[in-house]
Amino acid sequence: MLRSGTSIGANIIEGQGSSSKKEFINFIRIAFKSAKETEYWLKLFKESKLTTNSGLDILVQESIEITNILNSSILTLNGQIKVKKE
């Protein structure tokens, strides 16, 4: 979970240094995949009932929000590329 969770921000930052919009989108896609993996691990941990920490519910919800934001960003960026090609 530490690897996938920290990979989200690392890929976004690395993507900011991209030389093209296409390369930037690829880094955002990788961040999206890492966010989905983090969401999976958080849900699995919650379902295991190894903890009764109510903060885990907040983390699960925030991971879903991050995933949604990244997905929306990918769709928007892809739309911008298609518009420029037309």
PDB file of N, CA and C in Angstrom:
ATOM      1  N   MET A   1       0.834  -1.182   0.000  1.00  0.00           N
ATOM      2  CA  MET A   1       0.000   0.000   0.000  1.00  0.00           C
ATOM      3  C   MET A   1       0.884   1.253   0.000  1.00  0.00           C
ATOM      4  N   LEU A   2       1.996   1.199   0.689  1.00  0.00           N
ATOM      5  CA  LEU A   2       2.913   2.340   0.700  1.00  0.00           C
ATOM      6  C   LEU A   2       3.440   2.613  -0.708  1.00  0.00           C
ATOM      7  N   ARG A   3       3.793   1.559  -1.428  1.00  0.00           N
ATOM      8  CA  ARG A   3       4.324   1.719  -2.779  1.00  0.00           C
ATOM      9  C   ARG A   3       3.287   2.321  -3.713  1.00  0.00           C
ATOM     10  N   SER A   4       2.087   1.749  -3.731  1.00  0.00           N
ATOM     11  CA  SER A   4       1.060   2.251  -4.653  1.00  0.00           C
ATOM     12  C   SER A   4       0.580   3.641  -4.244  1.00  0.00           C
ATOM     13  N   GLY A   5       0.483   3.891  -2.957  1.00  0.00           N
ATOM     14  CA  GLY A   5       0.012   5.190  -2.481  1.00  0.00           C
ATOM     15  C   GLY A   5       0.976   6.321  -2.792  1.00  0.00           C
ATOM     16  N   THR A   6       2.263   6.070  -2.626  1.00  0.00           N
ATOM     17  CA  THR A   6       3.247   7.116  -2.914  1.00  0.00           C
ATOM     18  C   THR A   6       3.511   7.254  -4.407  1.00  0.00           C
ATOM     19  N   SER A   7       3.212   6.221  -5.156  1.00  0.00           N
ATOM     20  CA  SER A   7       3.396   6.256  -6.606  1.00  0.00           C
ATOM     21  C   SER A   7       2.455   7.252  -7.280  1.00  0.00           C
ATOM     22  N   ILE A   8       1.303   7.492  -6.679  1.00  0.00           N
ATOM     23  CA  ILE A   8       0.324   8.422  -7.259  1.00  0.00           C
ATOM     24  C   ILE A   8       0.957   9.803  -7.422  1.00  0.00           C
ATOM     25  N   GLY A   9       1.403  10.360  -6.326  1.00  0.00           N
ATOM     26  CA  GLY A   9       2.012  11.691  -6.364  1.00  0.00           C
ATOM     27  C   GLY A   9       3.293  11.728  -7.164  1.00  0.00           C
ATOM     28  N   ALA A  10       4.102  10.675  -7.046  1.00  0.00           N
ATOM     29  CA  ALA A  10       5.370  10.637  -7.772  1.00  0.00           C
ATOM     30  C   ALA A  10       5.146  10.691  -9.280  1.00  0.00           C
ATOM     31  N   ASN A  11       4.146   9.975  -9.766  1.00  0.00           N
ATOM     32  CA  ASN A  11       3.877   9.977 -11.204  1.00  0.00           C
ATOM     33  C   ASN A  11       3.279  11.296 -11.679  1.00  0.00           C
ATOM     34  N   ILE A  12       2.472  11.921 -10.858  1.00  0.00           N
ATOM     35  CA  ILE A  12       1.933  13.233 -11.225  1.00  0.00           C
ATOM     36  C   ILE A  12       3.071  14.245 -11.335  1.00  0.00           C
ATOM     37  N   ILE A  13       3.965  14.254 -10.361  1.00  0.00           N
ATOM     38  CA  ILE A  13       5.104  15.177 -10.381  1.00  0.00           C
ATOM     39  C   ILE A  13       6.015  14.880 -11.570  1.00  0.00           C
ATOM     40  N   GLU A  14       6.301  13.613 -11.798  1.00  0.00           N
ATOM     41  CA  GLU A  14       7.146  13.254 -12.938  1.00  0.00           C
ATOM     42  C   GLU A  14       6.481  13.669 -14.249  1.00  0.00           C
ATOM     43  N   GLY A  15       5.171  13.511 -14.325  1.00  0.00           N
ATOM     44  CA  GLY A  15       4.437  13.899 -15.526  1.00  0.00           C
ATOM     45  C   GLY A  15       4.506  15.384 -15.808  1.00  0.00           C
ATOM     46  N   GLN A  16       4.628  16.186 -14.760  1.00  0.00           N
ATOM     47  CA  GLN A  16       4.724  17.634 -14.953  1.00  0.00           C
ATOM     48  C   GLN A  16       5.982  18.026 -15.722  1.00  0.00           C
ATOM     49  N   GLY A  17       6.962  17.152 -15.722  1.00  0.00           N
ATOM     50  CA  GLY A  17       8.191  17.409 -16.469  1.00  0.00           C
ATOM     51  C   GLY A  17       8.173  16.808 -17.862  1.00  0.00           C
ATOM     52  N   SER A  18       7.025  16.348 -18.303  1.00  0.00           N
ATOM     53  CA  SER A  18       6.904  15.701 -19.614  1.00  0.00           C
ATOM     54  C   SER A  18       7.205  16.673 -20.743  1.00  0.00           C
ATOM     55  N   SER A  19       7.674  16.100 -21.846  1.00  0.00           N
ATOM     56  CA  SER A  19       7.990  16.922 -23.018  1.00  0.00           C
ATOM     57  C   SER A  19       6.804  17.047 -23.973  1.00  0.00           C
ATOM     58  N   SER A  20       5.738  16.282 -23.720  1.00  0.00           N
ATOM     59  CA  SER A  20       4.553  16.370 -24.579  1.00  0.00           C
ATOM     60  C   SER A  20       3.299  16.078 -23.756  1.00  0.00           C
ATOM     61  N   LYS A  21       2.171  16.482 -24.288  1.00  0.00           N
ATOM     62  CA  LYS A  21       0.886  16.230 -23.620  1.00  0.00           C
ATOM     63  C   LYS A  21       0.617  14.722 -23.568  1.00  0.00           C
ATOM     64  N   LYS A  22       0.985  14.003 -24.629  1.00  0.00           N
ATOM     65  CA  LYS A  22       0.775  12.549 -24.667  1.00  0.00           C
ATOM     66  C   LYS A  22       1.563  11.863 -23.553  1.00  0.00           C
ATOM     67  N   GLU A  23       2.807  12.285 -23.370  1.00  0.00           N
ATOM     68  CA  GLU A  23       3.636  11.714 -22.312  1.00  0.00           C
ATOM     69  C   GLU A  23       3.045  12.051 -20.937  1.00  0.00           C
ATOM     70  N   PHE A  24       2.551  13.280 -20.777  1.00  0.00           N
ATOM     71  CA  PHE A  24       1.925  13.695 -19.524  1.00  0.00           C
ATOM     72  C   PHE A  24       0.718  12.813 -19.204  1.00  0.00           C
ATOM     73  N   ILE A  25      -0.115  12.554 -20.222  1.00  0.00           N
ATOM     74  CA  ILE A  25      -1.295  11.702 -20.028  1.00  0.00           C
ATOM     75  C   ILE A  25      -0.882  10.306 -19.586  1.00  0.00           C
ATOM     76  N   ASN A  26       0.207   9.786 -20.148  1.00  0.00           N
ATOM     77  CA  ASN A  26       0.677   8.455 -19.753  1.00  0.00           C
ATOM     78  C   ASN A  26       1.036   8.414 -18.268  1.00  0.00           C
ATOM     79  N   PHE A  27       1.672   9.473 -17.768  1.00  0.00           N
ATOM     80  CA  PHE A  27       2.002   9.513 -16.342  1.00  0.00           C
ATOM     81  C   PHE A  27       0.739   9.621 -15.484  1.00  0.00           C
ATOM     82  N   ILE A  28      -0.256  10.365 -15.950  1.00  0.00           N
ATOM     83  CA  ILE A  28      -1.516  10.471 -15.211  1.00  0.00           C
ATOM     84  C   ILE A  28      -2.227   9.115 -15.207  1.00  0.00           C
ATOM     85  N   ARG A  29      -2.133   8.382 -16.307  1.00  0.00           N
ATOM     86  CA  ARG A  29      -2.727   7.029 -16.355  1.00  0.00           C
ATOM     87  C   ARG A  29      -2.063   6.101 -15.346  1.00  0.00           C
ATOM     88  N   ILE A  30      -0.743   6.196 -15.238  1.00  0.00           N
ATOM     89  CA  ILE A  30      -0.027   5.367 -14.261  1.00  0.00           C
ATOM     90  C   ILE A  30      -0.457   5.755 -12.845  1.00  0.00           C
ATOM     91  N   ALA A  31      -0.595   7.055 -12.597  1.00  0.00           N
ATOM     92  CA  ALA A  31      -1.068   7.523 -11.287  1.00  0.00           C
ATOM     93  C   ALA A  31      -2.471   6.989 -11.007  1.00  0.00           C
ATOM     94  N   PHE A  32      -3.335   6.975 -12.036  1.00  0.00           N
ATOM     95  CA  PHE A  32      -4.695   6.439 -11.898  1.00  0.00           C
ATOM     96  C   PHE A  32      -4.652   4.962 -11.501  1.00  0.00           C
ATOM     97  N   LYS A  33      -3.804   4.193 -12.168  1.00  0.00           N
ATOM     98  CA  LYS A  33      -3.690   2.765 -11.845  1.00  0.00           C
ATOM     99  C   LYS A  33      -3.204   2.566 -10.412  1.00  0.00           C
ATOM    100  N   SER A  34      -2.248   3.379  -9.994  1.00  0.00           N
ATOM    101  CA  SER A  34      -1.757   3.293  -8.615  1.00  0.00           C
ATOM    102  C   SER A  34      -2.845   3.677  -7.619  1.00  0.00           C
ATOM    103  N   ALA A  35      -3.667   4.654  -7.981  1.00  0.00           N
ATOM    104  CA  ALA A  35      -4.782   5.056  -7.109  1.00  0.00           C
ATOM    105  C   ALA A  35      -5.793   3.921  -6.978  1.00  0.00           C
ATOM    106  N   LYS A  36      -6.081   3.239  -8.089  1.00  0.00           N
ATOM    107  CA  LYS A  36      -7.001   2.093  -8.034  1.00  0.00           C
ATOM    108  C   LYS A  36      -6.425   0.985  -7.154  1.00  0.00           C
ATOM    109  N   GLU A  37      -5.115   0.751  -7.262  1.00  0.00           N
ATOM    110  CA  GLU A  37      -4.483  -0.276  -6.436  1.00  0.00           C
ATOM    111  C   GLU A  37      -4.544   0.111  -4.955  1.00  0.00           C
ATOM    112  N   THR A  38      -4.282   1.362  -4.660  1.00  0.00           N
ATOM    113  CA  THR A  38      -4.352   1.834  -3.274  1.00  0.00           C
ATOM    114  C   THR A  38      -5.763   1.686  -2.728  1.00  0.00           C
ATOM    115  N   GLU A  39      -6.741   2.034  -3.553  1.00  0.00           N
ATOM    116  CA  GLU A  39      -8.155   1.874  -3.173  1.00  0.00           C
ATOM    117  C   GLU A  39      -8.447   0.406  -2.838  1.00  0.00           C
ATOM    118  N   TYR A  40      -7.936  -0.493  -3.655  1.00  0.00           N
ATOM    119  CA  TYR A  40      -8.121  -1.931  -3.426  1.00  0.00           C
ATOM    120  C   TYR A  40      -7.544  -2.344  -2.067  1.00  0.00           C
ATOM    121  N   TRP A  41      -6.289  -1.925  -1.799  1.00  0.00           N
ATOM    122  CA  TRP A  41      -5.642  -2.322  -0.548  1.00  0.00           C
ATOM    123  C   TRP A  41      -6.379  -1.754   0.665  1.00  0.00           C
ATOM    124  N   LEU A  42      -6.835  -0.519   0.570  1.00  0.00           N
ATOM    125  CA  LEU A  42      -7.578   0.082   1.681  1.00  0.00           C
ATOM    126  C   LEU A  42      -8.886  -0.656   1.940  1.00  0.00           C
ATOM    127  N   LYS A  43      -9.603  -0.995   0.878  1.00  0.00           N
ATOM    128  CA  LYS A  43     -10.864  -1.732   1.035  1.00  0.00           C
ATOM    129  C   LYS A  43     -10.611  -3.122   1.608  1.00  0.00           C
ATOM    130  N   LEU A  44      -9.557  -3.766   1.148  1.00  0.00           N
ATOM    131  CA  LEU A  44      -9.210  -5.092   1.654  1.00  0.00           C
ATOM    132  C   LEU A  44      -8.876  -5.026   3.143  1.00  0.00           C
ATOM    133  N   PHE A  45      -8.093  -4.033   3.520  1.00  0.00           N
ATOM    134  CA  PHE A  45      -7.732  -3.856   4.925  1.00  0.00           C
ATOM    135  C   PHE A  45      -8.977  -3.596   5.773  1.00  0.00           C
ATOM    136  N   LYS A  46      -9.882  -2.772   5.261  1.00  0.00           N
ATOM    137  CA  LYS A  46     -11.130  -2.466   5.971  1.00  0.00           C
ATOM    138  C   LYS A  46     -11.971  -3.727   6.150  1.00  0.00           C
ATOM    139  N   GLU A  47     -12.108  -4.514   5.079  1.00  0.00           N
ATOM    140  CA  GLU A  47     -12.924  -5.729   5.130  1.00  0.00           C
ATOM    141  C   GLU A  47     -12.312  -6.809   6.011  1.00  0.00           C
ATOM    142  N   SER A  48     -10.999  -6.766   6.202  1.00  0.00           N
ATOM    143  CA  SER A  48     -10.336  -7.775   7.030  1.00  0.00           C
ATOM    144  C   SER A  48     -10.678  -7.613   8.510  1.00  0.00           C
ATOM    145  N   LYS A  49     -11.172  -6.428   8.861  1.00  0.00           N
ATOM    146  CA  LYS A  49     -11.548  -6.112  10.244  1.00  0.00           C
ATOM    147  C   LYS A  49     -10.372  -6.256  11.214  1.00  0.00           C
ATOM    148  N   LEU A  50      -9.161  -6.026  10.711  1.00  0.00           N
ATOM    149  CA  LEU A  50      -7.989  -6.054  11.572  1.00  0.00           C
ATOM    150  C   LEU A  50      -7.893  -4.798  12.429  1.00  0.00           C
ATOM    151  N   THR A  51      -8.681  -3.807  12.070  1.00  0.00           N
ATOM    152  CA  THR A  51      -8.710  -2.568  12.835  1.00  0.00           C
ATOM    153  C   THR A  51     -10.145  -2.055  12.922  1.00  0.00           C
ATOM    154  N   THR A  52     -10.400  -1.298  13.950  1.00  0.00           N
ATOM    155  CA  THR A  52     -11.716  -0.660  14.082  1.00  0.00           C
ATOM    156  C   THR A  52     -11.574   0.844  13.890  1.00  0.00           C
ATOM    157  N   ASN A  53     -10.472   1.256  13.321  1.00  0.00           N
ATOM    158  CA  ASN A  53     -10.179   2.669  13.109  1.00  0.00           C
ATOM    159  C   ASN A  53     -11.181   3.285  12.142  1.00  0.00           C
ATOM    160  N   SER A  54     -11.954   4.242  12.623  1.00  0.00           N
ATOM    161  CA  SER A  54     -12.952   4.889  11.765  1.00  0.00           C
ATOM    162  C   SER A  54     -12.293   5.773  10.710  1.00  0.00           C
ATOM    163  N   GLY A  55     -11.046   6.130  10.908  1.00  0.00           N
ATOM    164  CA  GLY A  55     -10.321   6.918   9.919  1.00  0.00           C
ATOM    165  C   GLY A  55     -10.121   6.170   8.617  1.00  0.00           C
ATOM    166  N   LEU A  56     -10.224   4.865   8.663  1.00  0.00           N
ATOM    167  CA  LEU A  56     -10.063   4.054   7.458  1.00  0.00           C
ATOM    168  C   LEU A  56     -11.178   4.332   6.461  1.00  0.00           C
ATOM    169  N   ASP A  57     -12.387   4.567   6.953  1.00  0.00           N
ATOM    170  CA  ASP A  57     -13.506   4.914   6.064  1.00  0.00           C
ATOM    171  C   ASP A  57     -13.205   6.198   5.292  1.00  0.00           C
ATOM    172  N   ILE A  58     -12.623   7.163   5.971  1.00  0.00           N
ATOM    173  CA  ILE A  58     -12.271   8.433   5.331  1.00  0.00           C
ATOM    174  C   ILE A  58     -11.204   8.204   4.265  1.00  0.00           C
ATOM    175  N   LEU A  59     -10.213   7.382   4.575  1.00  0.00           N
ATOM    176  CA  LEU A  59      -9.153   7.092   3.604  1.00  0.00           C
ATOM    177  C   LEU A  59      -9.698   6.392   2.365  1.00  0.00           C
ATOM    178  N   VAL A  60     -10.618   5.462   2.555  1.00  0.00           N
ATOM    179  CA  VAL A  60     -11.234   4.774   1.417  1.00  0.00           C
ATOM    180  C   VAL A  60     -11.975   5.783   0.550  1.00  0.00           C
ATOM    181  N   GLN A  61     -12.760   6.649   1.177  1.00  0.00           N
ATOM    182  CA  GLN A  61     -13.516   7.658   0.429  1.00  0.00           C
ATOM    183  C   GLN A  61     -12.578   8.612  -0.312  1.00  0.00           C
ATOM    184  N   GLU A  62     -11.511   9.029   0.334  1.00  0.00           N
ATOM    185  CA  GLU A  62     -10.556   9.932  -0.317  1.00  0.00           C
ATOM    186  C   GLU A  62      -9.846   9.251  -1.481  1.00  0.00           C
ATOM    187  N   SER A  63      -9.553   7.963  -1.341  1.00  0.00           N
ATOM    188  CA  SER A  63      -8.906   7.252  -2.449  1.00  0.00           C
ATOM    189  C   SER A  63      -9.847   7.152  -3.648  1.00  0.00           C
ATOM    190  N   ILE A  64     -11.131   6.980  -3.390  1.00  0.00           N
ATOM    191  CA  ILE A  64     -12.126   6.949  -4.471  1.00  0.00           C
ATOM    192  C   ILE A  64     -12.189   8.319  -5.151  1.00  0.00           C
ATOM    193  N   GLU A  65     -12.155   9.380  -4.359  1.00  0.00           N
ATOM    194  CA  GLU A  65     -12.188  10.730  -4.921  1.00  0.00           C
ATOM    195  C   GLU A  65     -10.957  11.009  -5.781  1.00  0.00           C
ATOM    196  N   ILE A  66      -9.789  10.586  -5.318  1.00  0.00           N
ATOM    197  CA  ILE A  66      -8.560  10.772  -6.093  1.00  0.00           C
ATOM    198  C   ILE A  66      -8.651  10.016  -7.412  1.00  0.00           C
ATOM    199  N   THR A  67      -9.142   8.790  -7.364  1.00  0.00           N
ATOM    200  CA  THR A  67      -9.316   7.993  -8.580  1.00  0.00           C
ATOM    201  C   THR A  67     -10.255   8.698  -9.552  1.00  0.00           C
ATOM    202  N   ASN A  68     -11.354   9.229  -9.048  1.00  0.00           N
ATOM    203  CA  ASN A  68     -12.311   9.939  -9.903  1.00  0.00           C
ATOM    204  C   ASN A  68     -11.698  11.195 -10.520  1.00  0.00           C
ATOM    205  N   ILE A  69     -10.923  11.935  -9.739  1.00  0.00           N
ATOM    206  CA  ILE A  69     -10.265  13.146 -10.247  1.00  0.00           C
ATOM    207  C   ILE A  69      -9.281  12.793 -11.357  1.00  0.00           C
ATOM    208  N   LEU A  70      -8.479  11.765 -11.137  1.00  0.00           N
ATOM    209  CA  LEU A  70      -7.499  11.365 -12.151  1.00  0.00           C
ATOM    210  C   LEU A  70      -8.188  10.876 -13.417  1.00  0.00           C
ATOM    211  N   ASN A  71      -9.260  10.107 -13.271  1.00  0.00           N
ATOM    212  CA  ASN A  71     -10.001   9.625 -14.432  1.00  0.00           C
ATOM    213  C   ASN A  71     -10.586  10.795 -15.220  1.00  0.00           C
ATOM    214  N   SER A  72     -11.152  11.747 -14.518  1.00  0.00           N
ATOM    215  CA  SER A  72     -11.707  12.934 -15.168  1.00  0.00           C
ATOM    216  C   SER A  72     -10.617  13.726 -15.891  1.00  0.00           C
ATOM    217  N   SER A  73      -9.456  13.821 -15.272  1.00  0.00           N
ATOM    218  CA  SER A  73      -8.329  14.523 -15.897  1.00  0.00           C
ATOM    219  C   SER A  73      -7.897  13.839 -17.183  1.00  0.00           C
ATOM    220  N   ILE A  74      -7.839  12.524 -17.164  1.00  0.00           N
ATOM    221  CA  ILE A  74      -7.459  11.763 -18.362  1.00  0.00           C
ATOM    222  C   ILE A  74      -8.458  12.009 -19.479  1.00  0.00           C
ATOM    223  N   LEU A  75      -9.741  11.938 -19.160  1.00  0.00           N
ATOM    224  CA  LEU A  75     -10.779  12.166 -20.175  1.00  0.00           C
ATOM    225  C   LEU A  75     -10.689  13.579 -20.746  1.00  0.00           C
ATOM    226  N   THR A  76     -10.476  14.555 -19.886  1.00  0.00           N
ATOM    227  CA  THR A  76     -10.356  15.944 -20.336  1.00  0.00           C
ATOM    228  C   THR A  76      -9.133  16.126 -21.225  1.00  0.00           C
ATOM    229  N   LEU A  77      -7.991  15.600 -20.786  1.00  0.00           N
ATOM    230  CA  LEU A  77      -6.760  15.737 -21.572  1.00  0.00           C
ATOM    231  C   LEU A  77      -6.879  15.026 -22.915  1.00  0.00           C
ATOM    232  N   ASN A  78      -7.495  13.852 -22.931  1.00  0.00           N
ATOM    233  CA  ASN A  78      -7.694  13.142 -24.200  1.00  0.00           C
ATOM    234  C   ASN A  78      -8.593  13.944 -25.130  1.00  0.00           C
ATOM    235  N   GLY A  79      -9.603  14.585 -24.585  1.00  0.00           N
ATOM    236  CA  GLY A  79     -10.492  15.423 -25.383  1.00  0.00           C
ATOM    237  C   GLY A  79      -9.757  16.596 -25.997  1.00  0.00           C
ATOM    238  N   GLN A  80      -8.818  17.175 -25.253  1.00  0.00           N
ATOM    239  CA  GLN A  80      -8.035  18.297 -25.761  1.00  0.00           C
ATOM    240  C   GLN A  80      -7.154  17.869 -26.927  1.00  0.00           C
ATOM    241  N   ILE A  81      -6.600  16.675 -26.842  1.00  0.00           N
ATOM    242  CA  ILE A  81      -5.748  16.181 -27.923  1.00  0.00           C
ATOM    243  C   ILE A  81      -6.583  15.934 -29.170  1.00  0.00           C
ATOM    244  N   LYS A  82      -7.768  15.332 -29.016  1.00  0.00           N
ATOM    245  CA  LYS A  82      -8.630  15.043 -30.165  1.00  0.00           C
ATOM    246  C   LYS A  82      -9.085  16.327 -30.848  1.00  0.00           C
ATOM    247  N   VAL A  83      -9.389  17.346 -30.063  1.00  0.00           N
ATOM    248  CA  VAL A  83      -9.838  18.621 -30.631  1.00  0.00           C
ATOM    249  C   VAL A  83      -8.716  19.249 -31.457  1.00  0.00           C
ATOM    250  N   LYS A  84      -7.482  19.184 -30.976  1.00  0.00           N
ATOM    251  CA  LYS A  84      -6.352  19.762 -31.699  1.00  0.00           C
ATOM    252  C   LYS A  84      -6.076  19.035 -33.008  1.00  0.00           C
ATOM    253  N   LYS A  85      -6.345  17.719 -33.061  1.00  0.00           N
ATOM    254  CA  LYS A  85      -6.093  16.931 -34.269  1.00  0.00           C
ATOM    255  C   LYS A  85      -7.109  17.223 -35.360  1.00  0.00           C
ATOM    256  N   GLU A  86      -8.299  17.671 -34.998  1.00  0.00           N
ATOM    257  CA  GLU A  86      -9.371  17.899 -35.979  1.00  0.00           C
ATOM    258  C   GLU A  86      -9.178  19.130 -36.777  1.00  0.00           C
TER     259      GLU A  86
END
